[in-house]
Protein backbone atom coordinates (compact mmCIF):
# COMPACT_ATOMS: atom_id res chain seq x y z
CA MET A 1 105.18 178.55 114.44
CA ALA A 2 107.61 178.68 111.55
CA THR A 3 107.31 181.51 109.08
CA ALA A 4 107.05 180.52 105.44
CA PRO A 5 109.60 181.94 103.01
CA ARG A 6 108.43 185.03 101.19
CA GLY A 7 107.92 184.76 97.45
CA PRO A 8 107.02 187.37 94.87
CA GLU A 9 105.08 190.36 96.20
CA GLY A 10 104.86 189.06 99.77
CA THR A 11 103.44 185.66 98.80
CA GLU A 12 103.99 183.00 101.44
CA SER A 13 105.70 179.97 99.91
CA PHE A 14 105.43 176.54 101.48
CA ARG A 15 107.85 173.80 100.42
CA ILE A 16 106.58 170.28 99.92
CA LEU A 17 109.16 167.59 100.60
CA TYR A 18 108.64 164.05 99.32
CA GLU A 19 109.93 160.69 100.42
CA LYS A 20 109.18 157.28 98.94
CA GLU A 21 108.64 154.67 101.65
CA GLU A 22 109.90 151.09 101.44
CA ASP A 23 106.33 149.86 100.92
CA GLY A 24 105.98 152.06 97.80
CA ARG A 25 103.80 154.77 99.31
CA TRP A 26 104.80 158.42 99.09
CA LEU A 27 105.03 160.73 102.09
CA ALA A 28 104.67 164.48 101.50
CA GLU A 29 105.46 167.05 104.19
CA VAL A 30 105.23 170.84 104.52
CA PRO A 31 108.10 171.68 106.91
CA GLU A 32 106.90 175.25 107.55
CA LEU A 33 103.67 173.85 109.03
CA PRO A 34 104.65 171.39 111.79
CA GLY A 35 102.72 168.13 111.63
CA VAL A 36 101.42 168.69 108.11
CA MET A 37 102.23 165.46 106.31
CA ALA A 38 100.23 162.97 104.28
CA TYR A 39 100.64 159.67 102.46
CA GLY A 40 99.55 158.74 98.97
CA GLU A 41 99.84 155.73 96.68
CA SER A 42 101.62 158.03 94.19
CA ARG A 43 103.61 161.22 94.57
CA ASN A 44 100.70 163.14 93.02
CA GLU A 45 98.20 161.67 95.52
CA ALA A 46 100.51 162.58 98.41
CA GLU A 47 100.86 166.13 97.05
CA ILE A 48 97.09 166.55 96.78
CA ALA A 49 96.54 165.19 100.30
CA VAL A 50 99.23 167.33 101.94
CA THR A 51 98.13 170.47 100.08
CA ALA A 52 94.54 169.98 101.27
CA LEU A 53 95.73 169.47 104.84
CA ALA A 54 98.01 172.52 104.68
CA LEU A 55 95.11 174.67 103.45
CA ARG A 56 93.00 173.48 106.39
CA VAL A 57 95.78 174.42 108.82
CA ILE A 58 96.21 177.82 107.17
CA ALA A 59 92.43 178.40 107.33
CA ASP A 60 92.40 177.52 111.03
CA ARG A 61 95.32 179.86 111.68
CA THR A 62 93.53 182.62 109.74
CA GLU A 63 90.40 182.23 111.87
CA ARG A 64 92.41 182.33 115.10
CA VAL A 65 94.37 185.49 114.30
CA LYS A 66 91.38 187.20 112.64
CA LYS A 67 93.59 188.49 109.86
CA PRO A 68 93.21 187.69 106.15
CA PRO A 69 96.04 185.59 104.69
CA LYS A 70 98.44 186.90 102.11
CA ALA A 71 98.71 185.08 98.82
CA ILE A 72 100.20 181.61 99.24
CA ARG A 73 101.88 179.10 96.96
CA PHE A 74 103.24 175.58 97.29
CA VAL A 75 106.58 174.72 95.74
């Protein structure tokens, strides 16, 4: 699993990359979390959807390793 870049005071930072599809939808992806991508009718909708999915993946990872997460941020 990829390690997220470290931000201020040990905060894990996750990049969100955006791409506008030919059909007008937006695709948002968090490269540090493989498979975490989501579509939206607008860039904002895609950002909300991918952030929610990323948080679910981080929560699952937290439960598996039985270790509390550090502070996180999306950029």
